[in-house]
Amino acid sequence: MPASASSLSGLLPTSPAAPGSLSAVESIRLVQALRTVPDPRRRRGRRHGLQSVLLLALQAVMAGASSWVAIAQWAATAPQALGVCGAPPSAATFRRVLAAVDIAAVEAALTVWVTGCRARAQAARPSGMTVTEGRTVVAVDGKTLRGSKDVGGQQAKLVCVYDHAHQLVLTQTAVAGGDEVAAFTAALATLPDLRNVLVTADALHCQRTHANFLAARGGHYLFTVKSNQPLLRQALRRLPWAQAPGTRRRGRGHGRTESRSIKVIDLEGTTAQALFPHARRAIKVIRRRRVGAGRPSVEIVYAITSLDHRAADPRLLAAWLQGHWAIENSVHHVRDVTQREDVSRIRLGTAPELMAALRNTAANIARLTGHANIAAAQRDAAWNPTAITDALRAA
């Protein structure tokens, strides 16, 4: 007879939800999503259920664990309310099980969970916010897992999709064969609906195939244009920018002063419109930055969008264009520095991608429970382990 798997009941919150948090029914959604992940092991000899292993690993990552040994140590010392029945999984068990799990199934389960969380958050949109201001805007960008190695000895790379407004990583996809351009559509195809969604991306993804892909699914784009599209960039530079009205924003902080001027021109009837599919407007941003008493630097950025003048004004376009780079600070920097992804010893196979998915989910839970500082949320989880149960309840 196969050994019985450890129970999930010890991993789930049993007390009523705290005032201001969601119900226990809402808190169980994550576990329900993870139940769809198939267990790669044979039934005979299992001591711990796959969902228990995944949840323990997630909670250890929330507390700052970045290796199999650290995950196992956290599981061994976790309070009874967060543990499993019987002896906790060893480091070898975590390594063997999580390295063999179907990473695509894990990503799909986590995408279903986080998009559901985002949908419930969008339903509580503040009063007075217009439909245009409440538009779903997501950023797409790639990140290399520097400590990882595939069968060919190359570093793994992932493309993730990040929600601007809610600061949530919605999904991520591995880059196959080093082709990040192809991973753009693969990542977005995992989302349930792209209708009226605006996708922001850097110049690498300013591709005609991407524009057609989004248009076919009812979505829109806001792409930076650089030298990889030389004819389009040249056409944008020749537009009559001197005659276009503009707006300017100034800011000061972190020892620097910065001003941004933005101008927008409709492309109807211009040569630039014929060079890129579904293009409606062009944007020119001039950034002037001075650090301390040094000389100011000036940068000119061109962008193109499929939104017309009724869908967004220059102020919103400037905010979305600038907001795209939050993916660097809110996702890439957090995983590299706060969650120590770059120095992780988990390197082989799909295990680095699985750990990246757990790190994304840990940050998502922290933000869903009101933490603006992921490092503070991680310390809270490490010093007060019951906060993890509270976070899962509130998520």
Protein backbone atom coordinates (compact mmCIF):
# COMPACT_ATOMS: atom_id res chain seq x y z
CA MET A 1 0.00 0.00 0.00
CA PRO A 2 1.35 3.46 -0.79
CA ALA A 3 2.12 5.73 2.11
CA SER A 4 -0.49 8.42 2.69
CA ALA A 5 0.44 11.91 1.62
CA SER A 6 0.72 14.62 4.22
CA SER A 7 -2.43 16.60 4.81
CA LEU A 8 -2.92 20.15 3.54
CA SER A 9 -5.05 21.06 6.52
CA GLY A 10 -2.05 22.11 8.58
CA LEU A 11 -0.94 24.49 5.84
CA LEU A 12 -4.19 26.41 5.61
CA PRO A 13 -5.62 29.08 7.90
CA THR A 14 -8.29 27.66 10.18
CA SER A 15 -9.21 30.75 12.18
CA PRO A 16 -11.75 33.32 10.89
CA ALA A 17 -10.39 36.01 8.63
CA ALA A 18 -9.13 39.10 10.40
CA PRO A 19 -11.12 42.33 9.99
CA GLY A 20 -10.29 43.90 6.66
CA SER A 21 -8.93 40.70 5.12
CA LEU A 22 -10.65 38.33 2.77
CA SER A 23 -12.60 35.28 3.86
CA ALA A 24 -11.17 31.82 4.38
CA VAL A 25 -12.88 30.79 1.12
CA GLU A 26 -10.86 33.43 -0.73
CA SER A 27 -7.64 32.39 0.99
CA ILE A 28 -7.98 28.81 -0.26
CA ARG A 29 -7.89 29.83 -3.95
CA LEU A 30 -4.13 29.47 -4.15
CA VAL A 31 -4.25 25.92 -2.86
CA GLN A 32 -7.09 25.10 -5.22
CA ALA A 33 -5.02 26.38 -8.13
CA LEU A 34 -1.99 24.32 -7.09
CA ARG A 35 -4.13 21.19 -6.93
CA THR A 36 -4.28 21.28 -10.73
CA VAL A 37 -0.53 20.64 -10.95
CA PRO A 38 0.09 16.93 -11.71
CA ASP A 39 2.40 15.04 -9.37
CA PRO A 40 5.36 13.61 -11.36
CA ARG A 41 5.93 10.79 -8.83
CA ARG A 42 4.40 7.35 -8.65
CA ARG A 43 1.87 6.89 -5.87
CA ARG A 44 3.86 4.19 -4.15
CA GLY A 45 6.24 5.61 -1.56
CA ARG A 46 4.94 9.18 -1.43
CA ARG A 47 5.25 10.68 2.02
CA HIS A 48 4.30 14.26 1.22
CA GLY A 49 1.70 15.58 -1.20
CA LEU A 50 2.87 17.80 -4.04
CA GLN A 51 0.73 20.72 -2.90
CA SER A 52 2.22 20.49 0.60
CA VAL A 53 5.75 20.57 -0.84
CA LEU A 54 4.90 23.52 -3.10
CA LEU A 55 3.26 25.50 -0.30
CA LEU A 56 6.09 24.86 2.15
CA ALA A 57 8.60 25.98 -0.49
CA LEU A 58 6.54 29.09 -1.21
CA GLN A 59 6.33 29.99 2.47
CA ALA A 60 10.07 29.43 2.90
CA VAL A 61 10.75 31.73 -0.07
CA MET A 62 8.47 34.34 1.52
CA ALA A 63 10.72 34.14 4.58
CA GLY A 64 13.89 34.60 2.50
CA ALA A 65 15.03 31.03 1.69
CA SER A 66 17.00 30.77 -1.56
CA SER A 67 18.36 27.19 -1.53
CA TRP A 68 17.02 23.67 -1.04
CA VAL A 69 18.79 23.41 2.32
CA ALA A 70 17.31 26.71 3.50
CA ILE A 71 13.82 25.64 2.38
CA ALA A 72 14.18 22.33 4.26
CA GLN A 73 15.48 24.08 7.39
CA TRP A 74 12.54 26.46 7.33
CA ALA A 75 10.10 23.56 6.90
CA ALA A 76 11.71 21.73 9.83
CA THR A 77 11.45 24.72 12.18
CA ALA A 78 8.09 26.08 11.02
CA PRO A 79 5.39 26.39 13.68
CA GLN A 80 2.98 23.50 13.96
CA ALA A 81 0.23 25.54 12.28
CA LEU A 82 2.37 25.82 9.15
CA GLY A 83 3.86 22.34 9.08
CA VAL A 84 2.78 19.01 7.65
CA CYS A 85 1.79 15.80 9.33
CA GLY A 86 4.83 13.71 10.23
CA ALA A 87 8.44 14.52 9.48
CA PRO A 88 8.97 17.53 7.17
CA PRO A 89 10.44 17.00 3.69
CA SER A 90 14.24 16.92 3.49
CA ALA A 91 16.36 19.09 1.20
CA ALA A 92 16.76 16.09 -1.12
CA THR A 93 12.98 15.70 -1.29
CA PHE A 94 12.45 19.35 -2.15
CA ARG A 95 15.16 19.15 -4.81
CA ARG A 96 13.93 15.93 -6.36
CA VAL A 97 10.21 16.79 -6.38
CA LEU A 98 10.39 20.42 -7.42
CA ALA A 99 13.00 19.78 -10.11
CA ALA A 100 10.70 17.17 -11.67
CA VAL A 101 7.40 19.06 -11.48
CA ASP A 102 5.76 20.30 -14.68
CA ILE A 103 6.82 23.95 -14.70
CA ALA A 104 4.24 24.87 -17.34
CA ALA A 105 1.47 23.51 -15.12
CA VAL A 106 2.80 25.45 -12.12
CA GLU A 107 2.96 28.67 -14.14
CA ALA A 108 -0.56 28.11 -15.46
CA ALA A 109 -1.92 27.50 -11.96
CA LEU A 110 -0.24 30.60 -10.54
CA THR A 111 -1.45 32.69 -13.50
CA VAL A 112 -5.04 31.61 -12.87
CA TRP A 113 -4.68 32.55 -9.22
CA VAL A 114 -3.03 35.94 -9.65
CA THR A 115 -5.29 37.06 -12.52
CA GLY A 116 -8.25 36.22 -10.31
CA CYS A 117 -6.75 38.36 -7.54
CA ARG A 118 -6.24 41.21 -9.99
CA ALA A 119 -9.81 40.93 -11.28
CA ARG A 120 -11.18 41.24 -7.75
CA ALA A 121 -8.91 44.24 -7.12
CA GLN A 122 -10.10 45.89 -10.34
CA ALA A 123 -13.71 45.42 -9.29
CA ALA A 124 -12.96 47.68 -6.31
CA ARG A 125 -11.78 50.53 -8.56
CA PRO A 126 -11.94 53.92 -6.78
CA SER A 127 -14.93 56.08 -7.58
CA GLY A 128 -14.21 58.91 -10.00
CA MET A 129 -11.66 56.95 -12.01
CA THR A 130 -12.46 57.04 -15.72
CA VAL A 131 -12.49 53.99 -17.95
CA THR A 132 -9.40 55.31 -19.72
CA GLU A 133 -7.50 55.78 -16.44
CA GLY A 134 -8.59 52.32 -15.29
CA ARG A 135 -7.36 50.57 -18.43
CA THR A 136 -5.33 47.43 -17.78
CA VAL A 137 -1.70 48.15 -18.69
CA VAL A 138 0.93 45.40 -18.59
CA ALA A 139 4.67 45.48 -19.22
CA VAL A 140 6.58 42.70 -20.97
CA ASP A 141 10.30 42.29 -20.40
CA GLY A 142 12.94 39.57 -20.18
CA LYS A 143 15.29 38.65 -17.35
CA THR A 144 18.32 36.35 -17.33
CA LEU A 145 18.74 33.91 -14.45
CA ARG A 146 22.47 34.41 -14.04
CA GLY A 147 23.15 31.45 -11.79
CA SER A 148 21.26 28.93 -13.92
CA LYS A 149 22.49 26.49 -16.57
CA ASP A 150 20.54 24.49 -19.10
CA VAL A 151 21.66 21.24 -20.74
CA GLY A 152 23.81 23.26 -23.14
CA GLY A 153 25.48 25.21 -20.34
CA GLN A 154 23.63 28.42 -21.22
CA GLN A 155 21.92 30.72 -18.74
CA ALA A 156 18.15 30.46 -18.64
CA LYS A 157 16.09 33.53 -19.54
CA LEU A 158 12.46 34.31 -18.73
CA VAL A 159 9.96 36.80 -20.13
CA CYS A 160 7.42 38.01 -17.60
CA VAL A 161 4.23 40.05 -17.80
CA TYR A 162 3.77 42.68 -15.09
CA ASP A 163 0.65 44.68 -14.24
CA HIS A 164 1.47 48.41 -13.92
CA ALA A 165 -1.30 49.45 -11.54
CA HIS A 166 -1.36 46.49 -9.15
CA GLN A 167 2.39 45.68 -9.28
CA LEU A 168 1.69 41.99 -9.84
CA VAL A 169 3.62 39.52 -12.00
CA LEU A 170 0.85 37.83 -13.99
CA THR A 171 2.85 35.17 -15.79
CA GLN A 172 6.28 34.25 -17.09
CA THR A 173 7.58 32.08 -19.93
CA ALA A 174 10.98 30.57 -20.62
CA VAL A 175 12.88 31.90 -23.64
CA ALA A 176 13.49 28.97 -25.98
CA GLY A 177 16.67 28.98 -28.03
CA GLY A 178 17.58 32.50 -26.95
CA ASP A 179 14.69 33.99 -28.97
CA GLU A 180 13.15 36.55 -26.61
CA VAL A 181 11.09 38.04 -29.45
CA ALA A 182 9.17 34.77 -29.87
CA ALA A 183 8.64 34.52 -26.10
CA PHE A 184 6.67 37.79 -26.18
CA THR A 185 3.62 36.20 -27.81
CA ALA A 186 4.09 32.95 -25.88
CA ALA A 187 3.88 34.80 -22.55
CA LEU A 188 0.88 36.94 -23.48
CA ALA A 189 -0.95 33.93 -24.93
CA THR A 190 -1.17 32.44 -21.43
CA LEU A 191 -3.35 35.33 -20.20
CA PRO A 192 -7.08 34.68 -20.37
CA ASP A 193 -8.08 37.92 -22.11
CA LEU A 194 -6.21 40.72 -23.90
CA ARG A 195 -9.20 42.78 -25.02
CA ASN A 196 -8.55 46.49 -24.42
CA VAL A 197 -5.31 45.65 -22.60
CA LEU A 198 -2.38 47.97 -23.35
CA VAL A 199 1.01 46.22 -23.60
CA THR A 200 4.16 48.27 -23.06
CA ALA A 201 7.55 46.99 -24.20
CA ASP A 202 11.03 48.20 -25.02
CA ALA A 203 12.48 48.57 -28.50
CA LEU A 204 13.37 44.87 -28.83
CA HIS A 205 9.67 44.03 -29.01
CA CYS A 206 8.75 46.80 -31.42
CA GLN A 207 7.91 44.17 -34.03
CA ARG A 208 5.19 44.09 -36.68
CA THR A 209 4.27 40.53 -35.75
CA HIS A 210 3.68 41.65 -32.16
CA ALA A 211 1.44 44.50 -33.28
CA ASN A 212 -0.63 42.13 -35.42
CA PHE A 213 -0.80 39.57 -32.60
CA LEU A 214 -2.22 42.14 -30.18
CA ALA A 215 -4.66 43.59 -32.71
CA ALA A 216 -6.02 40.11 -33.49
CA ARG A 217 -6.82 39.66 -29.79
CA GLY A 218 -8.30 43.10 -29.23
CA GLY A 219 -5.28 44.49 -27.42
CA HIS A 220 -3.14 47.60 -27.92
CA TYR A 221 0.55 48.41 -27.77
CA LEU A 222 2.90 51.18 -26.66
CA PHE A 223 6.37 50.40 -28.01
CA THR A 224 9.64 52.31 -27.73
CA VAL A 225 11.25 52.84 -31.15
CA LYS A 226 15.02 52.66 -31.55
CA SER A 227 17.59 51.77 -34.18
CA ASN A 228 16.32 48.20 -34.69
CA GLN A 229 13.50 49.88 -36.70
CA PRO A 230 15.63 52.40 -38.65
CA LEU A 231 13.04 53.43 -41.26
CA LEU A 232 10.32 53.89 -38.65
CA ARG A 233 12.61 55.85 -36.33
CA GLN A 234 13.71 58.09 -39.18
CA ALA A 235 10.09 58.71 -40.16
CA LEU A 236 9.20 59.62 -36.57
CA ARG A 237 12.12 62.05 -36.34
CA ARG A 238 10.87 63.84 -39.46
CA LEU A 239 7.40 64.51 -38.07
CA PRO A 240 6.57 68.21 -37.41
CA TRP A 241 7.30 68.10 -33.69
CA ALA A 242 7.98 71.84 -33.49
CA GLN A 243 4.35 72.53 -34.35
CA ALA A 244 2.90 70.03 -31.87
CA PRO A 245 1.73 71.18 -28.42
CA GLY A 246 3.52 69.62 -25.49
CA THR A 247 3.37 69.15 -21.76
CA ARG A 248 6.19 69.07 -19.21
CA ARG A 249 6.62 67.46 -15.83
CA ARG A 250 9.36 68.21 -13.32
CA GLY A 251 10.53 66.12 -10.41
CA ARG A 252 13.19 66.11 -7.73
CA GLY A 253 14.47 63.25 -5.62
CA HIS A 254 17.38 60.90 -4.86
CA GLY A 255 19.83 63.76 -5.37
CA ARG A 256 18.73 64.59 -8.91
CA THR A 257 16.36 66.87 -10.73
CA GLU A 258 14.51 65.73 -13.81
CA SER A 259 12.13 67.19 -16.35
CA ARG A 260 10.17 65.37 -19.04
CA SER A 261 8.51 67.05 -21.98
CA ILE A 262 6.14 65.03 -24.14
CA LYS A 263 4.56 65.69 -27.52
CA VAL A 264 2.05 63.50 -29.35
CA ILE A 265 1.20 63.53 -33.07
CA ASP A 266 -1.58 61.67 -34.87
CA LEU A 267 -0.14 59.53 -37.66
CA GLU A 268 -3.14 59.46 -39.97
CA GLY A 269 -1.97 60.22 -43.51
CA THR A 270 1.76 60.15 -42.66
CA THR A 271 4.43 57.83 -44.04
CA ALA A 272 5.13 56.56 -40.53
CA GLN A 273 1.65 55.04 -40.31
CA ALA A 274 2.32 52.89 -43.36
CA LEU A 275 5.57 51.59 -41.85
CA PHE A 276 4.02 49.95 -38.79
CA PRO A 277 0.69 48.09 -38.52
CA HIS A 278 -2.20 49.60 -36.53
CA ALA A 279 -0.14 52.68 -35.60
CA ARG A 280 -2.29 55.63 -34.53
CA ARG A 281 -0.01 58.10 -32.75
CA ALA A 282 3.66 58.84 -32.21
CA ILE A 283 5.19 60.12 -28.97
CA LYS A 284 8.38 62.10 -28.43
CA VAL A 285 9.78 62.41 -24.93
CA ILE A 286 12.75 64.62 -24.04
CA ARG A 287 14.30 63.76 -20.68
CA ARG A 288 16.63 66.24 -19.01
CA ARG A 289 18.38 65.03 -15.88
CA ARG A 290 20.90 66.67 -13.56
CA VAL A 291 22.60 64.83 -10.70
CA GLY A 292 23.89 67.17 -8.01
CA ALA A 293 25.92 70.01 -9.51
CA GLY A 294 26.95 68.01 -12.58
CA ARG A 295 26.11 68.77 -16.17
CA PRO A 296 22.61 67.85 -17.27
CA SER A 297 22.06 64.89 -19.59
CA VAL A 298 19.48 64.96 -22.37
CA GLU A 299 17.80 61.88 -23.86
CA ILE A 300 15.23 61.79 -26.66
CA VAL A 301 12.88 58.83 -26.83
CA TYR A 302 10.38 58.00 -29.56
CA ALA A 303 7.44 55.66 -29.11
CA ILE A 304 4.45 54.48 -31.10
CA THR A 305 0.99 53.34 -30.01
CA SER A 306 -2.17 51.85 -31.46
CA LEU A 307 -4.35 54.03 -29.20
CA ASP A 308 -6.06 57.00 -30.82
CA HIS A 309 -6.70 60.41 -29.27
CA ARG A 310 -9.98 59.26 -27.70
CA ALA A 311 -8.33 56.41 -25.81
CA ALA A 312 -5.56 58.29 -24.00
CA ASP A 313 -4.28 61.83 -23.60
CA PRO A 314 -0.57 62.78 -23.59
CA ARG A 315 -0.47 62.78 -19.78
CA LEU A 316 -1.54 59.13 -19.61
CA LEU A 317 0.77 58.09 -22.43
CA ALA A 318 3.72 59.68 -20.63
CA ALA A 319 2.79 57.93 -17.37
CA TRP A 320 2.45 54.54 -19.08
CA LEU A 321 5.71 54.98 -20.97
CA GLN A 322 7.56 55.83 -17.78
CA GLY A 323 5.65 53.19 -15.79
CA HIS A 324 6.96 50.42 -18.02
CA TRP A 325 10.33 50.60 -16.30
CA ALA A 326 8.80 49.79 -12.93
CA ILE A 327 9.24 46.17 -13.97
CA GLU A 328 12.98 46.66 -13.48
CA ASN A 329 12.65 47.91 -9.90
CA SER A 330 9.57 46.01 -8.75
CA VAL A 331 10.44 42.62 -10.27
CA HIS A 332 14.00 42.26 -11.54
CA HIS A 333 15.72 44.23 -8.77
CA VAL A 334 13.61 42.60 -6.07
CA ARG A 335 14.45 39.11 -7.29
CA ASP A 336 18.14 39.89 -7.82
CA VAL A 337 18.84 41.72 -4.57
CA THR A 338 16.07 41.20 -2.00
CA GLN A 339 15.35 37.56 -2.87
CA ARG A 340 19.01 36.84 -3.81
CA GLU A 341 18.21 35.15 -7.10
CA ASP A 342 21.59 35.92 -8.68
CA VAL A 343 23.51 34.05 -5.97
CA SER A 344 21.11 31.12 -5.66
CA ARG A 345 22.75 27.67 -5.88
CA ILE A 346 19.64 26.19 -7.51
CA ARG A 347 20.94 26.07 -11.06
CA LEU A 348 19.98 23.01 -13.09
CA GLY A 349 17.00 22.06 -15.24
CA THR A 350 13.67 23.82 -14.71
CA ALA A 351 14.33 24.32 -10.99
CA PRO A 352 15.56 27.94 -11.44
CA GLU A 353 12.36 28.78 -13.35
CA LEU A 354 10.25 27.18 -10.62
CA MET A 355 12.07 29.19 -7.95
CA ALA A 356 11.53 32.35 -10.00
CA ALA A 357 7.80 31.56 -10.08
CA LEU A 358 7.79 31.11 -6.29
CA ARG A 359 9.65 34.41 -5.84
CA ASN A 360 7.13 36.18 -8.06
CA THR A 361 4.28 34.68 -6.03
CA ALA A 362 5.91 35.66 -2.74
CA ALA A 363 6.19 39.26 -3.93
CA ASN A 364 2.61 39.15 -5.25
CA ILE A 365 1.30 37.99 -1.87
CA ALA A 366 3.27 40.71 -0.09
CA ARG A 367 1.79 43.40 -2.35
CA LEU A 368 -1.73 41.99 -2.13
CA THR A 369 -1.50 42.25 1.64
CA GLY A 370 -0.42 45.89 1.55
CA HIS A 371 3.38 45.69 1.74
CA ALA A 372 5.10 48.34 -0.35
CA ASN A 373 8.55 47.13 0.75
CA ILE A 374 9.26 43.50 -0.16
CA ALA A 375 12.35 43.35 2.05
CA ALA A 376 10.25 44.40 5.05
CA ALA A 377 7.63 41.79 4.18
CA GLN A 378 10.36 39.15 3.98
CA ARG A 379 11.76 40.13 7.37
CA ASP A 380 8.27 40.06 8.86
CA ALA A 381 7.73 36.56 7.50
CA ALA A 382 11.11 35.38 8.86
CA TRP A 383 10.73 36.91 12.33
CA ASN A 384 7.04 36.18 12.72
CA PRO A 385 6.24 32.97 10.77
CA THR A 386 2.52 33.17 11.54
CA ALA A 387 2.45 36.28 9.33
CA ILE A 388 2.77 33.91 6.39
CA THR A 389 -0.53 32.25 7.27
CA ASP A 390 -2.08 35.69 7.66
CA ALA A 391 -0.73 36.70 4.26
CA LEU A 392 -2.15 33.61 2.60
CA ARG A 393 -5.48 34.27 4.28
CA ALA A 394 -5.51 37.89 3.08
CA ALA A 395 -4.40 36.90 -0.42
